[in-house]
Amino acid sequence: MRIHVISAILVGLVGGGIPLGLAEKVTLIFCVLFVFFAEILNTALEHLVDLAIQQFDEKARVTKDTAAAGVLVLATGTVVVFAAILVQEWPTIVAHRREVFRQAALGIPLAALAAVLILPRRKPLWVDLGSFLGGVALMAAIARETRSSVFAALTLSLLVLCGAAARARRRLLRAS
């Protein structure tokens, strides 16, 4: 799920950085949400199998592996759709080179800060706070010149999700 969240942030940054048509925007958003949905279902199925099976069972392993493979196939298909949209929109990307470079210059550090937030390791509070506040500052700079408020909102929502995950991780570690 962590990889999907960071990938979705990158998709949001691309969608906000280049002018896309409505069909491309809807397709990208649908792909991102569909991958999240599949990952959530996969996690639920794995936990359900774990509840039903007390010891190793080959059928349980196959069930869990098959569900995970379904997510992988869907994520791979999403990458292909994303690549197809980029290839189709390549003239637009080249024509808006300055905006694309600006989006990359702000977006790559934003994705890195989000990744720091969702790392499952114990970190000092200042690292989580600094990562979140740095991400918010980068997001504010990105939002000022975004091509799509929908993709900006998607990216900001994912950053907030990363912050909430960091907070939940801190609570779990404190409780144990």
N, C-alpha and C. Protein backbone atom coordinates (compact mmCIF):
# COMPACT_ATOMS: atom_id res chain seq x y z
N MET A 1 0.84 -1.20 0.00
CA MET A 1 0.00 0.00 0.00
C MET A 1 0.87 1.25 0.00
N ARG A 2 2.01 1.19 0.68
CA ARG A 2 2.90 2.36 0.72
C ARG A 2 3.34 2.75 -0.69
N ILE A 3 3.69 1.76 -1.47
CA ILE A 3 4.12 2.03 -2.86
C ILE A 3 2.97 2.64 -3.65
N HIS A 4 1.76 2.14 -3.44
CA HIS A 4 0.60 2.68 -4.16
C HIS A 4 0.33 4.12 -3.77
N VAL A 5 0.50 4.46 -2.50
CA VAL A 5 0.27 5.84 -2.04
C VAL A 5 1.28 6.78 -2.70
N ILE A 6 2.55 6.41 -2.69
CA ILE A 6 3.56 7.28 -3.31
C ILE A 6 3.33 7.37 -4.81
N SER A 7 2.97 6.26 -5.44
CA SER A 7 2.67 6.29 -6.88
C SER A 7 1.48 7.20 -7.17
N ALA A 8 0.46 7.15 -6.31
CA ALA A 8 -0.71 8.01 -6.50
C ALA A 8 -0.35 9.48 -6.34
N ILE A 9 0.55 9.78 -5.41
CA ILE A 9 1.02 11.17 -5.27
C ILE A 9 1.70 11.61 -6.56
N LEU A 10 2.54 10.76 -7.11
CA LEU A 10 3.22 11.10 -8.37
C LEU A 10 2.22 11.28 -9.51
N VAL A 11 1.20 10.44 -9.57
CA VAL A 11 0.15 10.61 -10.59
C VAL A 11 -0.56 11.95 -10.39
N GLY A 12 -0.87 12.28 -9.14
CA GLY A 12 -1.50 13.56 -8.86
C GLY A 12 -0.64 14.74 -9.29
N LEU A 13 0.66 14.61 -9.09
CA LEU A 13 1.57 15.69 -9.50
C LEU A 13 1.63 15.82 -11.01
N VAL A 14 1.64 14.70 -11.71
CA VAL A 14 1.64 14.75 -13.18
C VAL A 14 0.31 15.34 -13.67
N GLY A 15 -0.79 14.87 -13.10
CA GLY A 15 -2.10 15.37 -13.51
C GLY A 15 -2.28 16.85 -13.23
N GLY A 16 -1.63 17.34 -12.20
CA GLY A 16 -1.72 18.77 -11.89
C GLY A 16 -0.70 19.61 -12.65
N GLY A 17 0.27 18.95 -13.26
CA GLY A 17 1.34 19.69 -13.93
C GLY A 17 1.16 19.89 -15.42
N ILE A 18 0.40 19.01 -16.05
CA ILE A 18 0.20 19.16 -17.50
C ILE A 18 -1.29 19.25 -17.78
N PRO A 19 -1.65 20.01 -18.79
CA PRO A 19 -3.08 20.12 -19.12
C PRO A 19 -3.58 18.84 -19.78
N LEU A 20 -4.48 18.17 -19.11
CA LEU A 20 -5.06 16.94 -19.64
C LEU A 20 -6.53 17.15 -19.95
N GLY A 21 -7.03 16.37 -20.86
CA GLY A 21 -8.46 16.41 -21.15
C GLY A 21 -9.24 15.70 -20.05
N LEU A 22 -10.54 15.89 -20.06
CA LEU A 22 -11.39 15.29 -19.04
C LEU A 22 -11.27 13.77 -19.03
N ALA A 23 -11.24 13.14 -20.18
CA ALA A 23 -11.15 11.68 -20.25
C ALA A 23 -9.86 11.18 -19.60
N GLU A 24 -8.75 11.85 -19.85
CA GLU A 24 -7.48 11.44 -19.26
C GLU A 24 -7.49 11.63 -17.75
N LYS A 25 -8.05 12.76 -17.29
CA LYS A 25 -8.13 13.01 -15.86
C LYS A 25 -8.96 11.93 -15.15
N VAL A 26 -10.13 11.66 -15.70
CA VAL A 26 -11.02 10.67 -15.09
C VAL A 26 -10.37 9.29 -15.10
N THR A 27 -9.71 8.96 -16.20
CA THR A 27 -9.05 7.66 -16.30
C THR A 27 -7.97 7.51 -15.24
N LEU A 28 -7.14 8.52 -15.07
CA LEU A 28 -6.07 8.45 -14.07
C LEU A 28 -6.62 8.34 -12.65
N ILE A 29 -7.62 9.16 -12.35
CA ILE A 29 -8.21 9.13 -11.00
C ILE A 29 -8.87 7.78 -10.76
N PHE A 30 -9.59 7.27 -11.76
CA PHE A 30 -10.24 5.96 -11.62
C PHE A 30 -9.20 4.86 -11.39
N CYS A 31 -8.11 4.90 -12.13
CA CYS A 31 -7.05 3.89 -11.96
C CYS A 31 -6.47 3.93 -10.56
N VAL A 32 -6.19 5.12 -10.06
CA VAL A 32 -5.63 5.26 -8.71
C VAL A 32 -6.61 4.70 -7.67
N LEU A 33 -7.86 5.08 -7.77
CA LEU A 33 -8.84 4.62 -6.79
C LEU A 33 -9.09 3.12 -6.90
N PHE A 34 -9.06 2.59 -8.11
CA PHE A 34 -9.28 1.16 -8.31
C PHE A 34 -8.13 0.34 -7.70
N VAL A 35 -6.91 0.82 -7.84
CA VAL A 35 -5.77 0.12 -7.22
C VAL A 35 -5.90 0.15 -5.70
N PHE A 36 -6.28 1.29 -5.13
CA PHE A 36 -6.49 1.36 -3.68
C PHE A 36 -7.58 0.38 -3.25
N PHE A 37 -8.67 0.36 -3.99
CA PHE A 37 -9.78 -0.55 -3.68
C PHE A 37 -9.31 -2.00 -3.71
N ALA A 38 -8.55 -2.37 -4.74
CA ALA A 38 -8.05 -3.74 -4.85
C ALA A 38 -7.11 -4.08 -3.69
N GLU A 39 -6.27 -3.15 -3.32
CA GLU A 39 -5.33 -3.39 -2.22
C GLU A 39 -6.08 -3.56 -0.90
N ILE A 40 -7.11 -2.77 -0.69
CA ILE A 40 -7.92 -2.90 0.52
C ILE A 40 -8.63 -4.25 0.55
N LEU A 41 -9.20 -4.66 -0.59
CA LEU A 41 -9.84 -5.98 -0.65
C LEU A 41 -8.84 -7.10 -0.42
N ASN A 42 -7.65 -6.98 -0.99
CA ASN A 42 -6.61 -7.98 -0.80
C ASN A 42 -6.26 -8.11 0.69
N THR A 43 -6.09 -6.98 1.35
CA THR A 43 -5.76 -7.01 2.78
C THR A 43 -6.89 -7.66 3.58
N ALA A 44 -8.13 -7.30 3.26
CA ALA A 44 -9.27 -7.89 3.96
C ALA A 44 -9.32 -9.40 3.73
N LEU A 45 -9.10 -9.84 2.51
CA LEU A 45 -9.12 -11.27 2.20
C LEU A 45 -8.00 -12.01 2.93
N GLU A 46 -6.82 -11.43 2.97
CA GLU A 46 -5.71 -12.07 3.68
C GLU A 46 -6.01 -12.22 5.16
N HIS A 47 -6.60 -11.19 5.77
CA HIS A 47 -6.95 -11.28 7.19
C HIS A 47 -8.07 -12.29 7.42
N LEU A 48 -9.00 -12.36 6.50
CA LEU A 48 -10.09 -13.34 6.61
C LEU A 48 -9.54 -14.76 6.53
N VAL A 49 -8.62 -15.00 5.62
CA VAL A 49 -7.99 -16.33 5.51
C VAL A 49 -7.24 -16.64 6.79
N ASP A 50 -6.51 -15.66 7.32
CA ASP A 50 -5.77 -15.87 8.56
C ASP A 50 -6.70 -16.22 9.73
N LEU A 51 -7.88 -15.62 9.76
CA LEU A 51 -8.84 -15.94 10.81
C LEU A 51 -9.39 -17.36 10.67
N ALA A 52 -9.60 -17.79 9.43
CA ALA A 52 -10.22 -19.09 9.18
C ALA A 52 -9.23 -20.24 9.33
N ILE A 53 -7.96 -20.00 9.09
CA ILE A 53 -6.95 -21.06 9.08
C ILE A 53 -6.00 -20.87 10.25
N GLN A 54 -5.88 -21.89 11.08
CA GLN A 54 -5.01 -21.80 12.25
C GLN A 54 -3.60 -22.30 11.97
N GLN A 55 -3.44 -23.12 10.97
CA GLN A 55 -2.13 -23.65 10.62
C GLN A 55 -1.93 -23.56 9.12
N PHE A 56 -0.72 -23.87 8.66
CA PHE A 56 -0.43 -23.74 7.23
C PHE A 56 -1.37 -24.62 6.41
N ASP A 57 -1.88 -24.03 5.34
CA ASP A 57 -2.73 -24.76 4.40
C ASP A 57 -2.38 -24.26 3.01
N GLU A 58 -2.10 -25.17 2.10
CA GLU A 58 -1.69 -24.81 0.74
C GLU A 58 -2.79 -24.00 0.04
N LYS A 59 -4.05 -24.35 0.26
CA LYS A 59 -5.15 -23.61 -0.37
C LYS A 59 -5.21 -22.18 0.15
N ALA A 60 -4.92 -21.99 1.41
CA ALA A 60 -4.91 -20.63 1.97
C ALA A 60 -3.79 -19.82 1.34
N ARG A 61 -2.62 -20.43 1.19
CA ARG A 61 -1.48 -19.74 0.55
C ARG A 61 -1.83 -19.35 -0.88
N VAL A 62 -2.43 -20.27 -1.62
CA VAL A 62 -2.80 -19.98 -3.01
C VAL A 62 -3.84 -18.86 -3.06
N THR A 63 -4.79 -18.88 -2.15
CA THR A 63 -5.81 -17.82 -2.10
C THR A 63 -5.17 -16.46 -1.86
N LYS A 64 -4.28 -16.38 -0.90
CA LYS A 64 -3.63 -15.11 -0.58
C LYS A 64 -2.72 -14.66 -1.72
N ASP A 65 -1.97 -15.59 -2.29
CA ASP A 65 -1.09 -15.24 -3.41
C ASP A 65 -1.87 -14.78 -4.63
N THR A 66 -3.00 -15.42 -4.88
CA THR A 66 -3.83 -15.05 -6.03
C THR A 66 -4.42 -13.66 -5.85
N ALA A 67 -4.87 -13.35 -4.65
CA ALA A 67 -5.41 -12.01 -4.39
C ALA A 67 -4.32 -10.95 -4.56
N ALA A 68 -3.12 -11.24 -4.07
CA ALA A 68 -2.01 -10.30 -4.24
C ALA A 68 -1.64 -10.16 -5.71
N ALA A 69 -1.70 -11.25 -6.45
CA ALA A 69 -1.40 -11.19 -7.89
C ALA A 69 -2.43 -10.33 -8.62
N GLY A 70 -3.67 -10.38 -8.18
CA GLY A 70 -4.69 -9.54 -8.78
C GLY A 70 -4.37 -8.07 -8.62
N VAL A 71 -3.90 -7.69 -7.45
CA VAL A 71 -3.50 -6.30 -7.22
C VAL A 71 -2.31 -5.94 -8.11
N LEU A 72 -1.37 -6.85 -8.23
CA LEU A 72 -0.19 -6.61 -9.06
C LEU A 72 -0.59 -6.42 -10.53
N VAL A 73 -1.50 -7.25 -11.02
CA VAL A 73 -1.96 -7.12 -12.41
C VAL A 73 -2.64 -5.77 -12.61
N LEU A 74 -3.49 -5.39 -11.67
CA LEU A 74 -4.18 -4.10 -11.76
C LEU A 74 -3.21 -2.94 -11.70
N ALA A 75 -2.24 -3.00 -10.80
CA ALA A 75 -1.24 -1.93 -10.70
C ALA A 75 -0.40 -1.84 -11.97
N THR A 76 -0.04 -2.99 -12.52
CA THR A 76 0.72 -3.00 -13.78
C THR A 76 -0.11 -2.39 -14.91
N GLY A 77 -1.37 -2.74 -14.97
CA GLY A 77 -2.26 -2.15 -15.98
C GLY A 77 -2.38 -0.65 -15.82
N THR A 78 -2.40 -0.18 -14.58
CA THR A 78 -2.46 1.25 -14.33
C THR A 78 -1.20 1.95 -14.83
N VAL A 79 -0.06 1.32 -14.63
CA VAL A 79 1.20 1.89 -15.15
C VAL A 79 1.14 1.97 -16.68
N VAL A 80 0.60 0.95 -17.31
CA VAL A 80 0.48 0.96 -18.78
C VAL A 80 -0.46 2.07 -19.23
N VAL A 81 -1.59 2.24 -18.56
CA VAL A 81 -2.52 3.32 -18.89
C VAL A 81 -1.85 4.67 -18.71
N PHE A 82 -1.13 4.85 -17.61
CA PHE A 82 -0.42 6.09 -17.33
C PHE A 82 0.61 6.37 -18.43
N ALA A 83 1.37 5.35 -18.80
CA ALA A 83 2.37 5.52 -19.85
C ALA A 83 1.71 5.87 -21.19
N ALA A 84 0.58 5.23 -21.49
CA ALA A 84 -0.12 5.52 -22.74
C ALA A 84 -0.60 6.97 -22.78
N ILE A 85 -1.10 7.45 -21.65
CA ILE A 85 -1.54 8.85 -21.59
C ILE A 85 -0.35 9.78 -21.77
N LEU A 86 0.77 9.48 -21.14
CA LEU A 86 1.97 10.32 -21.30
C LEU A 86 2.46 10.33 -22.75
N VAL A 87 2.45 9.18 -23.38
CA VAL A 87 2.87 9.11 -24.79
C VAL A 87 1.92 9.92 -25.66
N GLN A 88 0.64 9.76 -25.42
CA GLN A 88 -0.38 10.50 -26.20
C GLN A 88 -0.24 12.01 -26.00
N GLU A 89 0.10 12.41 -24.77
CA GLU A 89 0.18 13.83 -24.43
C GLU A 89 1.61 14.37 -24.56
N TRP A 90 2.53 13.61 -25.15
CA TRP A 90 3.92 14.04 -25.22
C TRP A 90 4.09 15.42 -25.85
N PRO A 91 3.42 15.74 -26.96
CA PRO A 91 3.56 17.11 -27.50
C PRO A 91 3.15 18.19 -26.49
N THR A 92 2.12 17.93 -25.71
CA THR A 92 1.69 18.88 -24.68
C THR A 92 2.75 18.99 -23.59
N ILE A 93 3.32 17.87 -23.21
CA ILE A 93 4.36 17.88 -22.17
C ILE A 93 5.56 18.70 -22.65
N VAL A 94 5.98 18.49 -23.88
CA VAL A 94 7.12 19.23 -24.43
C VAL A 94 6.79 20.73 -24.52
N ALA A 95 5.56 21.04 -24.91
CA ALA A 95 5.16 22.45 -25.04
C ALA A 95 5.09 23.16 -23.69
N HIS A 96 4.90 22.40 -22.61
CA HIS A 96 4.80 22.97 -21.27
C HIS A 96 5.99 22.53 -20.42
N ARG A 97 7.14 22.52 -21.02
CA ARG A 97 8.37 22.03 -20.38
C ARG A 97 8.65 22.74 -19.04
N ARG A 98 8.50 24.05 -19.02
CA ARG A 98 8.79 24.80 -17.79
C ARG A 98 7.91 24.34 -16.64
N GLU A 99 6.61 24.19 -16.91
CA GLU A 99 5.69 23.75 -15.86
C GLU A 99 6.01 22.33 -15.40
N VAL A 100 6.39 21.47 -16.35
CA VAL A 100 6.73 20.09 -16.01
C VAL A 100 7.97 20.05 -15.11
N PHE A 101 8.99 20.83 -15.44
CA PHE A 101 10.19 20.87 -14.62
C PHE A 101 9.89 21.43 -13.22
N ARG A 102 9.05 22.46 -13.16
CA ARG A 102 8.67 23.03 -11.87
C ARG A 102 7.93 21.99 -11.03
N GLN A 103 7.03 21.27 -11.67
CA GLN A 103 6.26 20.24 -10.97
C GLN A 103 7.19 19.14 -10.45
N ALA A 104 8.17 18.75 -11.27
CA ALA A 104 9.12 17.72 -10.84
C ALA A 104 10.01 18.24 -9.71
N ALA A 105 10.45 19.48 -9.82
CA ALA A 105 11.34 20.05 -8.80
C ALA A 105 10.65 20.14 -7.44
N LEU A 106 9.35 20.38 -7.43
CA LEU A 106 8.61 20.45 -6.17
C LEU A 106 8.00 19.10 -5.80
N GLY A 107 7.61 18.34 -6.81
CA GLY A 107 6.89 17.09 -6.58
C GLY A 107 7.75 15.95 -6.09
N ILE A 108 8.95 15.82 -6.60
CA ILE A 108 9.81 14.71 -6.16
C ILE A 108 10.15 14.85 -4.67
N PRO A 109 10.54 16.05 -4.20
CA PRO A 109 10.74 16.18 -2.74
C PRO A 109 9.45 15.93 -1.94
N LEU A 110 8.31 16.34 -2.48
CA LEU A 110 7.04 16.10 -1.80
C LEU A 110 6.80 14.59 -1.66
N ALA A 111 7.01 13.84 -2.73
CA ALA A 111 6.84 12.38 -2.67
C ALA A 111 7.82 11.76 -1.69
N ALA A 112 9.04 12.28 -1.64
CA ALA A 112 10.04 11.76 -0.70
C ALA A 112 9.61 12.02 0.75
N LEU A 113 9.08 13.21 1.02
CA LEU A 113 8.62 13.52 2.38
C LEU A 113 7.43 12.63 2.77
N ALA A 114 6.55 12.38 1.81
CA ALA A 114 5.42 11.48 2.08
C ALA A 114 5.93 10.08 2.38
N ALA A 115 6.96 9.64 1.65
CA ALA A 115 7.53 8.32 1.90
C ALA A 115 8.14 8.24 3.31
N VAL A 116 8.79 9.31 3.74
CA VAL A 116 9.35 9.34 5.09
C VAL A 116 8.23 9.19 6.12
N LEU A 117 7.11 9.85 5.87
CA LEU A 117 5.99 9.78 6.81
C LEU A 117 5.44 8.36 6.95
N ILE A 118 5.41 7.60 5.87
CA ILE A 118 4.78 6.28 5.95
C ILE A 118 5.77 5.14 6.16
N LEU A 119 7.04 5.47 6.34
CA LEU A 119 7.99 4.41 6.68
C LEU A 119 7.59 3.79 8.01
N PRO A 120 7.62 2.47 8.11
CA PRO A 120 7.15 1.83 9.34
C PRO A 120 8.20 1.76 10.44
N ARG A 121 9.11 2.69 10.46
CA ARG A 121 10.18 2.70 11.47
C ARG A 121 9.92 3.76 12.53
N ARG A 122 10.49 3.52 13.68
CA ARG A 122 10.44 4.51 14.76
C ARG A 122 11.31 5.70 14.36
N LYS A 123 10.76 6.90 14.46
CA LYS A 123 11.50 8.12 14.12
C LYS A 123 11.21 9.16 15.19
N PRO A 124 12.12 10.11 15.35
CA PRO A 124 11.84 11.21 16.28
C PRO A 124 10.62 12.02 15.79
N LEU A 125 9.91 12.60 16.71
CA LEU A 125 8.73 13.40 16.38
C LEU A 125 9.07 14.50 15.39
N TRP A 126 10.23 15.14 15.55
CA TRP A 126 10.60 16.25 14.68
C TRP A 126 10.72 15.80 13.22
N VAL A 127 11.07 14.55 12.99
CA VAL A 127 11.18 14.05 11.61
C VAL A 127 9.78 13.97 10.98
N ASP A 128 8.83 13.41 11.72
CA ASP A 128 7.46 13.33 11.20
C ASP A 128 6.86 14.72 11.01
N LEU A 129 7.01 15.58 12.02
CA LEU A 129 6.46 16.94 11.91
C LEU A 129 7.12 17.72 10.77
N GLY A 130 8.43 17.64 10.70
CA GLY A 130 9.15 18.34 9.63
C GLY A 130 8.77 17.82 8.25
N SER A 131 8.61 16.51 8.13
CA SER A 131 8.22 15.93 6.85
C SER A 131 6.82 16.40 6.46
N PHE A 132 5.90 16.38 7.41
CA PHE A 132 4.53 16.80 7.10
C PHE A 132 4.47 18.28 6.75
N LEU A 133 5.08 19.12 7.58
CA LEU A 133 5.04 20.56 7.32
C LEU A 133 5.78 20.92 6.03
N GLY A 134 6.90 20.24 5.77
CA GLY A 134 7.60 20.45 4.51
C GLY A 134 6.74 20.05 3.33
N GLY A 135 6.02 18.94 3.46
CA GLY A 135 5.11 18.50 2.40
C GLY A 135 3.98 19.49 2.17
N VAL A 136 3.44 20.04 3.26
CA VAL A 136 2.37 21.04 3.14
C VAL A 136 2.90 22.29 2.44
N ALA A 137 4.10 22.72 2.79
CA ALA A 137 4.69 23.90 2.14
C ALA A 137 4.92 23.65 0.65
N LEU A 138 5.43 22.48 0.31
CA LEU A 138 5.61 22.15 -1.11
C LEU A 138 4.26 22.08 -1.83
N MET A 139 3.28 21.50 -1.16
CA MET A 139 1.95 21.39 -1.76
C MET A 139 1.35 22.78 -2.00
N ALA A 140 1.58 23.70 -1.09
CA ALA A 140 1.08 25.07 -1.27
C ALA A 140 1.72 25.71 -2.50
N ALA A 141 3.01 25.49 -2.68
CA ALA A 141 3.70 26.04 -3.85
C ALA A 141 3.18 25.38 -5.14
N ILE A 142 2.93 24.09 -5.09
CA ILE A 142 2.42 23.37 -6.26
C ILE A 142 1.00 23.84 -6.59
N ALA A 143 0.18 24.01 -5.57
CA ALA A 143 -1.23 24.35 -5.79
C ALA A 143 -1.40 25.73 -6.42
N ARG A 144 -0.45 26.63 -6.18
CA ARG A 144 -0.57 27.98 -6.74
C ARG A 144 -0.61 27.98 -8.27
N GLU A 145 0.10 27.04 -8.89
CA GLU A 145 0.16 27.02 -10.35
C GLU A 145 -0.32 25.69 -10.94
N THR A 146 -1.19 25.01 -10.23
CA THR A 146 -1.66 23.72 -10.71
C THR A 146 -2.56 23.87 -11.93
N ARG A 147 -2.54 22.87 -12.76
CA ARG A 147 -3.43 22.82 -13.93
C ARG A 147 -4.77 22.19 -13.58
N SER A 148 -4.83 21.56 -12.42
CA SER A 148 -6.06 20.85 -12.03
C SER A 148 -6.22 20.88 -10.52
N SER A 149 -7.26 21.54 -10.06
CA SER A 149 -7.51 21.58 -8.62
C SER A 149 -7.91 20.20 -8.10
N VAL A 150 -8.47 19.36 -8.97
CA VAL A 150 -8.84 18.00 -8.56
C VAL A 150 -7.58 17.19 -8.23
N PHE A 151 -6.57 17.26 -9.11
CA PHE A 151 -5.33 16.53 -8.83
C PHE A 151 -4.58 17.14 -7.65
N ALA A 152 -4.65 18.44 -7.48
CA ALA A 152 -4.02 19.07 -6.32
C ALA A 152 -4.70 18.58 -5.04
N ALA A 153 -6.04 18.49 -5.07
CA ALA A 153 -6.78 18.00 -3.90
C ALA A 153 -6.46 16.53 -3.64
N LEU A 154 -6.33 15.74 -4.69
CA LEU A 154 -5.96 14.34 -4.54
C LEU A 154 -4.59 14.22 -3.88
N THR A 155 -3.64 15.00 -4.36
CA THR A 155 -2.28 14.95 -3.82
C THR A 155 -2.25 15.41 -2.36
N LEU A 156 -2.94 16.49 -2.06
CA LEU A 156 -3.01 16.97 -0.69
C LEU A 156 -3.67 15.94 0.23
N SER A 157 -4.74 15.33 -0.24
CA SER A 157 -5.42 14.29 0.55
C SER A 157 -4.49 13.14 0.87
N LEU A 158 -3.68 12.74 -0.11
CA LEU A 158 -2.74 11.65 0.12
C LEU A 158 -1.64 12.05 1.10
N LEU A 159 -1.22 13.31 1.04
CA LEU A 159 -0.24 13.80 2.01
C LEU A 159 -0.83 13.77 3.42
N VAL A 160 -2.07 14.18 3.56
CA VAL A 160 -2.75 14.14 4.86
C VAL A 160 -2.88 12.69 5.33
N LEU A 161 -3.18 11.78 4.42
CA LEU A 161 -3.25 10.35 4.75
C LEU A 161 -1.90 9.86 5.28
N CYS A 162 -0.82 10.29 4.65
CA CYS A 162 0.53 9.91 5.11
C CYS A 162 0.79 10.46 6.51
N GLY A 163 0.37 11.70 6.75
CA GLY A 163 0.51 12.28 8.08
C GLY A 163 -0.29 11.51 9.12
N ALA A 164 -1.50 11.11 8.75
CA ALA A 164 -2.34 10.32 9.67
C ALA A 164 -1.70 8.96 9.93
N ALA A 165 -1.09 8.36 8.93
CA ALA A 165 -0.41 7.08 9.12
C ALA A 165 0.77 7.22 10.07
N ALA A 166 1.51 8.32 9.92
CA ALA A 166 2.64 8.56 10.83
C ALA A 166 2.14 8.73 12.27
N ARG A 167 1.05 9.44 12.42
CA ARG A 167 0.47 9.65 13.76
C ARG A 167 0.00 8.33 14.36
N ALA A 168 -0.68 7.51 13.54
CA ALA A 168 -1.15 6.20 14.01
C ALA A 168 0.03 5.30 14.38
N ARG A 169 1.09 5.34 13.58
CA ARG A 169 2.28 4.55 13.88
C ARG A 169 2.87 4.97 15.23
N ARG A 170 2.93 6.28 15.47
CA ARG A 170 3.49 6.78 16.73
C ARG A 170 2.64 6.28 17.92
N ARG A 171 1.33 6.30 17.77
CA ARG A 171 0.44 5.84 18.85
C ARG A 171 0.64 4.35 19.11
N LEU A 172 0.74 3.57 18.05
CA LEU A 172 0.95 2.13 18.22
C LEU A 172 2.28 1.83 18.90
N LEU A 173 3.32 2.53 18.50
CA LEU A 173 4.62 2.30 19.10
C LEU A 173 4.64 2.74 20.56
N ARG A 174 3.92 3.82 20.87
CA ARG A 174 3.86 4.31 22.25
C ARG A 174 3.09 3.32 23.12
N ALA A 175 2.06 2.69 22.55
CA ALA A 175 1.23 1.75 23.32
C ALA A 175 1.97 0.43 23.58
N SER A 176 2.93 0.09 22.74
CA SER A 176 3.61 -1.21 22.91
C SER A 176 4.86 -1.13 23.74
